[in-house]
């Protein structure tokens, strides 16, 4: 098989492994996102969490299937598919799942905006597109976290410590982020996030470009580490 066919084969296999989880998760999170958005009177919840839920779940499902549930990885390595194609396929699947999650979050936000308008509460904090711009920054952040997870997974495998990585990120978000925003850098970042929509959109695009470059670099590192890994 050509390299492209190998990558496509990996993508197809990965989707077979995760499709049940992803479908159930995303279908469930549409009403959950709408309900919590409406209760909070904003759009942040669905815009900034659905993508993360899908990304974390996708990586954990792939890692579990490959190394825990029947160790599918050993079977995968007997196929005429190179280790390079496997890692590129994983990266493509995680990126696609994360993007779909972002779009579902956006769909939930749009439904929420309609309901809030009907209730006379349509004036959300930064406006609809302002909050979408902010969510793009969160999407870029999730891609960065996904890069770290995929790189660690290719290097060390699905270790016990890796299982607690999402929990560690959640705790860091709850404990560290509020502290950061009390610093000078945090105050400057807050000024950008609460500024004009044009400035927020520019920051979002720069963040997305930066994380995209790091995602590509992380994929290359994953390939290098996976080639050297012993099974």
Protein backbone atom coordinates (compact mmCIF):
# COMPACT_ATOMS: atom_id res chain seq x y z
CA UNK A 1 0.00 0.00 0.00
CA UNK A 2 1.07 3.57 -0.59
CA UNK A 3 1.73 5.84 2.37
CA UNK A 4 -1.57 7.63 1.81
CA UNK A 5 -3.48 4.35 1.78
CA UNK A 6 -1.74 3.30 5.00
CA UNK A 7 -2.74 6.54 6.73
CA UNK A 8 -6.33 6.18 5.49
CA UNK A 9 -6.42 2.59 6.72
CA UNK A 10 -5.29 3.75 10.17
CA UNK A 11 -7.91 6.50 10.21
CA UNK A 12 -10.65 4.05 9.24
CA UNK A 13 -9.55 1.58 11.93
CA UNK A 14 -9.40 4.29 14.59
CA UNK A 15 -12.92 5.43 13.75
CA UNK A 16 -14.17 1.88 14.09
CA UNK A 17 -12.66 1.82 17.58
CA UNK A 18 -14.04 5.16 18.77
CA UNK A 19 -17.21 5.78 16.75
CA UNK A 20 -19.63 4.44 19.39
CA UNK A 21 -18.11 6.60 22.13
CA UNK A 22 -17.86 9.71 19.96
CA UNK A 23 -21.40 9.43 18.58
CA UNK A 24 -22.97 8.92 21.99
CA UNK A 25 -20.88 11.68 23.56
CA UNK A 26 -21.57 14.31 20.94
CA UNK A 27 -25.28 13.54 20.64
CA UNK A 28 -25.58 13.78 24.43
CA UNK A 29 -23.61 17.01 24.68
CA UNK A 30 -25.85 18.94 22.32
CA UNK A 31 -28.76 19.16 24.82
CA UNK A 32 -26.34 19.33 27.77
CA UNK A 33 -24.52 22.26 26.18
CA UNK A 34 -27.75 24.09 25.39
CA UNK A 35 -29.24 23.58 28.86
CA UNK A 36 -26.14 24.76 30.73
CA UNK A 37 -25.62 27.69 28.35
CA UNK A 38 -29.18 28.87 28.93
CA UNK A 39 -28.95 28.42 32.69
CA UNK A 40 -25.69 30.42 32.76
CA UNK A 41 -26.99 33.04 30.36
CA UNK A 42 -23.97 32.68 28.09
CA UNK A 43 -22.37 30.50 25.43
CA UNK A 44 -19.04 29.59 27.01
CA UNK A 45 -19.94 26.11 28.18
CA UNK A 46 -20.73 24.47 24.85
CA UNK A 47 -18.17 26.53 22.93
CA UNK A 48 -15.31 25.71 25.28
CA UNK A 49 -16.01 22.22 26.61
CA UNK A 50 -17.53 19.98 23.93
CA UNK A 51 -14.37 20.06 21.85
CA UNK A 52 -12.25 19.17 24.90
CA UNK A 53 -14.52 16.31 25.92
CA UNK A 54 -14.29 14.79 22.45
CA UNK A 55 -10.53 15.24 22.17
CA UNK A 56 -9.71 13.75 25.57
CA UNK A 57 -12.13 10.88 25.02
CA UNK A 58 -10.79 10.16 21.55
CA UNK A 59 -7.17 9.91 22.69
CA UNK A 60 -8.04 7.83 25.74
CA UNK A 61 -10.17 5.47 23.63
CA UNK A 62 -7.39 4.99 21.08
CA UNK A 63 -4.82 4.40 23.82
CA UNK A 64 -7.08 1.99 25.68
CA UNK A 65 -7.93 -0.02 22.57
CA UNK A 66 -4.32 -0.20 21.45
CA UNK A 67 -2.73 -1.22 24.72
CA UNK A 68 -5.33 -2.23 27.30
CA UNK A 69 -8.48 -3.71 25.78
CA UNK A 70 -7.08 -6.73 23.94
CA UNK A 71 -3.85 -4.90 23.04
CA UNK A 72 -5.01 -4.13 19.49
CA UNK A 73 -1.71 -2.38 18.87
CA UNK A 74 0.18 -5.66 18.48
CA UNK A 75 -2.37 -6.79 15.90
CA UNK A 76 -2.20 -3.44 14.13
CA UNK A 77 1.59 -3.74 13.81
CA UNK A 78 1.21 -7.03 11.92
CA UNK A 79 -0.71 -5.21 9.17
CA UNK A 80 1.15 -3.79 6.14
CA UNK A 81 1.02 -0.35 7.76
CA UNK A 82 4.13 1.53 8.84
CA UNK A 83 4.58 3.07 12.26
CA UNK A 84 4.78 6.46 10.60
CA UNK A 85 1.34 5.98 9.03
CA UNK A 86 -0.11 4.86 12.38
CA UNK A 87 0.96 8.03 14.17
CA UNK A 88 -0.10 10.32 11.32
CA UNK A 89 -3.45 8.53 11.25
CA UNK A 90 -3.90 9.00 15.00
CA UNK A 91 -3.10 12.72 14.68
CA UNK A 92 -5.59 13.13 11.82
CA UNK A 93 -8.36 11.38 13.75
CA UNK A 94 -7.84 13.44 16.90
CA UNK A 95 -7.78 16.67 14.87
CA UNK A 96 -10.96 15.72 13.01
CA UNK A 97 -12.80 14.65 16.18
CA UNK A 98 -11.76 17.87 17.94
CA UNK A 99 -12.93 19.97 14.99
CA UNK A 100 -16.28 18.18 14.89
CA UNK A 101 -16.59 18.77 18.64
CA UNK A 102 -15.94 22.47 18.14
CA UNK A 103 -18.61 22.64 15.43
CA UNK A 104 -21.10 20.81 17.66
CA UNK A 105 -20.30 23.26 20.44
CA UNK A 106 -20.92 26.08 17.97
CA UNK A 107 -24.24 24.51 16.95
CA UNK A 108 -25.27 24.23 20.60
CA UNK A 109 -24.25 27.85 21.14
CA UNK A 110 -26.40 28.96 18.21
CA UNK A 111 -29.41 27.09 19.63
CA UNK A 112 -28.70 28.63 23.02
CA UNK A 113 -28.57 32.11 21.51
CA UNK A 114 -31.99 31.58 19.91
CA UNK A 115 -33.49 30.44 23.23
CA UNK A 116 -31.87 33.32 25.12
CA UNK A 117 -33.23 35.77 22.55
CA UNK A 118 -36.71 34.33 23.04
CA UNK A 119 -36.30 34.84 26.79
CA UNK A 120 -35.09 38.42 26.28
CA UNK A 121 -31.61 37.55 27.56
CA UNK A 122 -29.76 37.51 24.24
CA UNK A 123 -27.09 40.05 25.23
CA UNK A 124 -24.35 37.59 26.20
CA UNK A 125 -21.08 38.88 27.66
CA UNK A 126 -19.01 39.40 24.49
CA UNK A 127 -21.75 38.94 21.93
CA UNK A 128 -22.18 35.76 19.87
CA UNK A 129 -19.17 36.23 17.59
CA UNK A 130 -17.07 37.62 20.41
CA UNK A 131 -17.58 34.46 22.40
CA UNK A 132 -16.91 32.34 19.30
CA UNK A 133 -13.57 34.13 18.92
CA UNK A 134 -12.76 33.33 22.53
CA UNK A 135 -13.70 29.68 21.97
CA UNK A 136 -11.22 29.47 19.07
CA UNK A 137 -8.49 30.30 21.59
CA UNK A 138 -9.72 27.42 23.74
CA UNK A 139 -9.79 25.17 20.67
CA UNK A 140 -6.14 26.08 20.04
CA UNK A 141 -5.36 25.27 23.66
CA UNK A 142 -7.01 21.86 23.38
CA UNK A 143 -4.97 21.11 20.25
CA UNK A 144 -1.84 21.91 22.23
CA UNK A 145 -2.89 19.53 25.00
CA UNK A 146 -3.73 16.90 22.39
CA UNK A 147 -0.24 17.29 20.93
CA UNK A 148 1.34 16.63 24.33
CA UNK A 149 -0.88 13.61 24.96
CA UNK A 150 -0.24 12.00 21.57
CA UNK A 151 3.50 12.56 21.88
CA UNK A 152 3.59 11.04 25.36
CA UNK A 153 1.41 8.14 24.23
CA UNK A 154 3.78 7.33 21.37
CA UNK A 155 6.84 7.58 23.62
CA UNK A 156 5.72 5.87 26.84
CA UNK A 157 2.50 4.09 25.93
CA UNK A 158 -0.72 4.00 27.92
CA UNK A 159 0.92 4.15 31.34
CA UNK A 160 -0.83 4.48 34.69
CA UNK A 161 0.23 8.11 34.87
CA UNK A 162 -1.18 8.78 31.41
CA UNK A 163 -4.64 7.73 32.59
CA UNK A 164 -4.70 10.61 35.07
CA UNK A 165 -3.49 13.22 32.59
CA UNK A 166 -6.98 14.64 31.81
CA UNK A 167 -7.68 14.94 35.55
CA UNK A 168 -4.36 16.75 36.04
CA UNK A 169 -5.25 19.21 33.27
CA UNK A 170 -8.66 19.86 34.85
CA UNK A 171 -7.07 20.52 38.25
CA UNK A 172 -4.50 22.83 36.70
CA UNK A 173 -7.29 24.70 34.97
CA UNK A 174 -9.19 25.15 38.23
CA UNK A 175 -6.21 26.03 40.43
CA UNK A 176 -3.54 27.61 38.24
CA UNK A 177 -5.52 29.61 35.67
CA UNK A 178 -7.20 31.93 38.23
CA UNK A 179 -3.76 32.57 39.73
CA UNK A 180 -2.24 33.38 36.33
CA UNK A 181 -4.86 36.04 35.69
CA UNK A 182 -3.73 37.86 38.83
CA UNK A 183 -0.25 38.38 37.32
CA UNK A 184 0.77 41.14 34.93
CA UNK A 185 0.71 38.74 32.01
CA UNK A 186 -2.72 37.51 33.07
CA UNK A 187 -4.04 41.05 33.28
CA UNK A 188 -2.75 41.79 29.79
CA UNK A 189 -4.31 38.56 28.48
CA UNK A 190 -7.60 39.44 30.17
CA UNK A 191 -7.49 42.87 28.52
CA UNK A 192 -7.18 41.18 25.11
CA UNK A 193 -10.00 38.73 25.82
CA UNK A 194 -12.33 41.48 27.02
CA UNK A 195 -11.32 43.99 24.33
CA UNK A 196 -12.76 44.65 20.90
CA UNK A 197 -13.98 41.73 18.83
CA UNK A 198 -11.36 42.51 16.17
CA UNK A 199 -8.54 42.20 18.70
CA UNK A 200 -10.05 39.02 20.15
CA UNK A 201 -10.42 37.51 16.68
CA UNK A 202 -6.80 38.35 15.83
CA UNK A 203 -5.64 36.72 19.08
CA UNK A 204 -7.77 33.67 18.25
CA UNK A 205 -6.28 33.28 14.78
CA UNK A 206 -2.73 33.73 16.06
CA UNK A 207 -3.37 31.13 18.78
CA UNK A 208 -4.83 28.70 16.23
CA UNK A 209 -1.87 29.15 13.88
CA UNK A 210 0.61 28.69 16.72
CA UNK A 211 -1.06 25.52 18.02
CA UNK A 212 -1.38 24.18 14.46
CA UNK A 213 2.38 24.47 13.96
CA UNK A 214 3.03 22.78 17.31
CA UNK A 215 0.53 20.05 16.41
CA UNK A 216 2.50 19.30 13.24
CA UNK A 217 5.77 19.29 15.19
CA UNK A 218 4.22 17.02 17.83
CA UNK A 219 3.10 14.60 15.11
CA UNK A 220 6.65 14.45 13.76
CA UNK A 221 7.99 13.77 17.26
CA UNK A 222 5.35 11.07 17.74
CA UNK A 223 6.55 9.35 14.58
CA UNK A 224 10.18 9.51 15.74
CA UNK A 225 9.39 8.17 19.23
CA UNK A 226 7.09 5.43 17.94
CA UNK A 227 9.70 4.15 15.50
CA UNK A 228 12.17 3.66 18.35
CA UNK A 229 9.72 2.16 20.80
CA UNK A 230 10.07 -1.52 21.66
CA UNK A 231 7.06 -3.84 22.08
